[in-house]
Amino acid sequence: MILFAMLAANTLYGLLVGWWSDYDQIPWHRVVLDCIGFGLILIVALRADRWWPLWVSGVQLLSVLAHLLRAIDADLHPLVYAIMDRWPYWMAIGLTALGTYLHAGRAKTVSND
């Protein structure tokens, strides 16, 4: 739900302001979304008894660190910054899908016993 809310908020922002983020500048709305998302995912990860929320919070931390690196090094190429910003989000979606699939399989096995 957190990842979906981040996507929905980013899409809403894109509809209101404009679709394309200019990675020549720091997209501050993405910084805020990534930081809030990281905090919420970390809370879930610390409360859950699963491996995958920790991994999801780890890759979300990579997005937060990409913004920090861009703020420190303004000469970072915009394409590199865009990849560092967005790629962890898609990794988080993949990890969430994998973790949910594996958990559903375990839950089905336990309910059959």
C-alpha atoms as a PDB file:
ATOM      1  CA  MET A   1       0.000   0.000   0.000  1.00  0.00           C
ATOM      2  CA  ILE A   2       2.879   2.363   0.766  1.00  0.00           C
ATOM      3  CA  LEU A   3       4.449   1.863  -2.657  1.00  0.00           C
ATOM      4  CA  PHE A   4       1.069   2.314  -4.319  1.00  0.00           C
ATOM      5  CA  ALA A   5       0.459   5.524  -2.335  1.00  0.00           C
ATOM      6  CA  MET A   6       3.876   6.824  -3.409  1.00  0.00           C
ATOM      7  CA  LEU A   7       3.023   6.091  -7.045  1.00  0.00           C
ATOM      8  CA  ALA A   8      -0.406   7.718  -6.720  1.00  0.00           C
ATOM      9  CA  ALA A   9       1.038  10.844  -5.060  1.00  0.00           C
ATOM     10  CA  ASN A  10       3.729  11.157  -7.729  1.00  0.00           C
ATOM     11  CA  THR A  11       1.168  10.703 -10.509  1.00  0.00           C
ATOM     12  CA  LEU A  12      -1.136  13.294  -8.950  1.00  0.00           C
ATOM     13  CA  TYR A  13       1.772  15.720  -8.694  1.00  0.00           C
ATOM     14  CA  GLY A  14       2.621  15.007 -12.337  1.00  0.00           C
ATOM     15  CA  LEU A  15      -0.938  15.724 -13.423  1.00  0.00           C
ATOM     16  CA  LEU A  16      -1.058  18.995 -11.506  1.00  0.00           C
ATOM     17  CA  VAL A  17       2.416  20.361 -12.228  1.00  0.00           C
ATOM     18  CA  GLY A  18       3.751  18.491 -15.230  1.00  0.00           C
ATOM     19  CA  TRP A  19       4.731  14.939 -16.003  1.00  0.00           C
ATOM     20  CA  TRP A  20       8.452  15.075 -16.430  1.00  0.00           C
ATOM     21  CA  SER A  21      10.828  15.740 -13.611  1.00  0.00           C
ATOM     22  CA  ASP A  22      13.789  17.734 -14.708  1.00  0.00           C
ATOM     23  CA  TYR A  23      16.687  15.786 -13.279  1.00  0.00           C
ATOM     24  CA  ASP A  24      18.951  18.773 -13.856  1.00  0.00           C
ATOM     25  CA  GLN A  25      17.396  20.012 -10.619  1.00  0.00           C
ATOM     26  CA  ILE A  26      16.515  18.077  -7.486  1.00  0.00           C
ATOM     27  CA  PRO A  27      12.805  17.125  -7.655  1.00  0.00           C
ATOM     28  CA  TRP A  28      11.915  18.028  -4.077  1.00  0.00           C
ATOM     29  CA  HIS A  29       8.517  16.389  -4.226  1.00  0.00           C
ATOM     30  CA  ARG A  30      10.300  13.078  -4.953  1.00  0.00           C
ATOM     31  CA  VAL A  31      12.713  13.677  -2.076  1.00  0.00           C
ATOM     32  CA  VAL A  32       9.777  14.138   0.295  1.00  0.00           C
ATOM     33  CA  LEU A  33       7.941  11.086  -1.100  1.00  0.00           C
ATOM     34  CA  ASP A  34      11.038   8.894  -0.878  1.00  0.00           C
ATOM     35  CA  CYS A  35      11.839   9.983   2.685  1.00  0.00           C
ATOM     36  CA  ILE A  36       8.273   9.460   3.910  1.00  0.00           C
ATOM     37  CA  GLY A  37       8.065   6.154   2.054  1.00  0.00           C
ATOM     38  CA  PHE A  38      11.357   4.999   3.537  1.00  0.00           C
ATOM     39  CA  GLY A  39      10.197   5.884   7.051  1.00  0.00           C
ATOM     40  CA  LEU A  40       6.887   4.065   6.679  1.00  0.00           C
ATOM     41  CA  ILE A  41       8.440   1.002   5.054  1.00  0.00           C
ATOM     42  CA  LEU A  42      11.059   0.883   7.801  1.00  0.00           C
ATOM     43  CA  ILE A  43       8.318   0.906  10.449  1.00  0.00           C
ATOM     44  CA  VAL A  44       6.600  -2.000   8.684  1.00  0.00           C
ATOM     45  CA  ALA A  45       9.926  -3.834   8.319  1.00  0.00           C
ATOM     46  CA  LEU A  46      10.763  -3.520  12.008  1.00  0.00           C
ATOM     47  CA  ARG A  47       7.347  -4.836  13.048  1.00  0.00           C
ATOM     48  CA  ALA A  48       7.022  -7.628  10.491  1.00  0.00           C
ATOM     49  CA  ASP A  49       8.421 -11.088  10.946  1.00  0.00           C
ATOM     50  CA  ARG A  50       9.486 -11.350   7.309  1.00  0.00           C
ATOM     51  CA  TRP A  51      12.736 -10.880   5.394  1.00  0.00           C
ATOM     52  CA  TRP A  52      11.379  -8.953   2.436  1.00  0.00           C
ATOM     53  CA  PRO A  53      10.212  -5.739   4.180  1.00  0.00           C
ATOM     54  CA  LEU A  54      13.794  -5.233   5.369  1.00  0.00           C
ATOM     55  CA  TRP A  55      15.041  -5.609   1.818  1.00  0.00           C
ATOM     56  CA  VAL A  56      12.363  -3.230   0.542  1.00  0.00           C
ATOM     57  CA  SER A  57      13.377  -0.632   3.132  1.00  0.00           C
ATOM     58  CA  GLY A  58      17.003  -1.146   2.102  1.00  0.00           C
ATOM     59  CA  VAL A  59      16.339  -0.425  -1.554  1.00  0.00           C
ATOM     60  CA  GLN A  60      14.139   2.529  -0.608  1.00  0.00           C
ATOM     61  CA  LEU A  61      17.086   3.854   1.385  1.00  0.00           C
ATOM     62  CA  LEU A  62      19.055   3.796  -1.877  1.00  0.00           C
ATOM     63  CA  SER A  63      16.594   6.307  -3.340  1.00  0.00           C
ATOM     64  CA  VAL A  64      16.996   8.578  -0.321  1.00  0.00           C
ATOM     65  CA  LEU A  65      20.783   8.320  -0.601  1.00  0.00           C
ATOM     66  CA  ALA A  66      20.585   9.171  -4.323  1.00  0.00           C
ATOM     67  CA  HIS A  67      18.963  12.485  -3.413  1.00  0.00           C
ATOM     68  CA  LEU A  68      21.619  13.104  -0.774  1.00  0.00           C
ATOM     69  CA  LEU A  69      24.388  12.346  -3.266  1.00  0.00           C
ATOM     70  CA  ARG A  70      22.816  14.715  -5.795  1.00  0.00           C
ATOM     71  CA  ALA A  71      22.621  17.443  -3.151  1.00  0.00           C
ATOM     72  CA  ILE A  72      26.304  16.938  -2.301  1.00  0.00           C
ATOM     73  CA  ASP A  73      27.575  16.544  -5.882  1.00  0.00           C
ATOM     74  CA  ALA A  74      25.740  18.902  -8.230  1.00  0.00           C
ATOM     75  CA  ASP A  75      27.872  17.644 -11.169  1.00  0.00           C
ATOM     76  CA  LEU A  76      26.174  14.235 -11.084  1.00  0.00           C
ATOM     77  CA  HIS A  77      24.879  13.490 -14.585  1.00  0.00           C
ATOM     78  CA  PRO A  78      21.052  13.818 -14.754  1.00  0.00           C
ATOM     79  CA  LEU A  79      20.599  10.360 -16.304  1.00  0.00           C
ATOM     80  CA  VAL A  80      22.659   8.735 -13.540  1.00  0.00           C
ATOM     81  CA  TYR A  81      20.623  10.609 -10.938  1.00  0.00           C
ATOM     82  CA  ALA A  82      17.347   9.553 -12.582  1.00  0.00           C
ATOM     83  CA  ILE A  83      18.397   5.895 -12.585  1.00  0.00           C
ATOM     84  CA  MET A  84      19.598   6.082  -8.972  1.00  0.00           C
ATOM     85  CA  ASP A  85      16.290   7.677  -7.985  1.00  0.00           C
ATOM     86  CA  ARG A  86      13.819   5.414  -9.811  1.00  0.00           C
ATOM     87  CA  TRP A  87      15.495   2.010 -10.063  1.00  0.00           C
ATOM     88  CA  PRO A  88      15.204   1.209  -6.311  1.00  0.00           C
ATOM     89  CA  TYR A  89      11.446   1.874  -6.464  1.00  0.00           C
ATOM     90  CA  TRP A  90      11.020  -0.803  -9.121  1.00  0.00           C
ATOM     91  CA  MET A  91      13.258  -3.165  -7.163  1.00  0.00           C
ATOM     92  CA  ALA A  92      11.007  -2.566  -4.131  1.00  0.00           C
ATOM     93  CA  ILE A  93       7.952  -3.497  -6.195  1.00  0.00           C
ATOM     94  CA  GLY A  94       9.645  -6.706  -7.346  1.00  0.00           C
ATOM     95  CA  LEU A  95      10.702  -7.630  -3.807  1.00  0.00           C
ATOM     96  CA  THR A  96       7.215  -6.924  -2.499  1.00  0.00           C
ATOM     97  CA  ALA A  97       5.687  -9.105  -5.197  1.00  0.00           C
ATOM     98  CA  LEU A  98       8.142 -11.921  -4.470  1.00  0.00           C
ATOM     99  CA  GLY A  99       7.663 -11.703  -0.707  1.00  0.00           C
ATOM    100  CA  THR A 100       3.879 -11.626  -1.021  1.00  0.00           C
ATOM    101  CA  TYR A 101       3.899 -14.593  -3.388  1.00  0.00           C
ATOM    102  CA  LEU A 102       6.129 -16.642  -1.085  1.00  0.00           C
ATOM    103  CA  HIS A 103       4.075 -15.724   1.976  1.00  0.00           C
ATOM    104  CA  ALA A 104       0.829 -16.708   0.214  1.00  0.00           C
ATOM    105  CA  GLY A 105       2.383 -20.066  -0.626  1.00  0.00           C
ATOM    106  CA  ARG A 106       3.395 -20.633   2.990  1.00  0.00           C
ATOM    107  CA  ALA A 107      -0.008 -19.551   4.277  1.00  0.00           C
ATOM    108  CA  LYS A 108      -1.729 -21.947   1.857  1.00  0.00           C
ATOM    109  CA  THR A 109       0.537 -24.823   2.986  1.00  0.00           C
ATOM    110  CA  VAL A 110      -0.146 -24.118   6.667  1.00  0.00           C
ATOM    111  CA  SER A 111      -3.908 -23.944   6.104  1.00  0.00           C
ATOM    112  CA  ASN A 112      -3.869 -27.317   4.312  1.00  0.00           C
ATOM    113  CA  ASP A 113      -2.157 -29.092   7.229  1.00  0.00           C
END
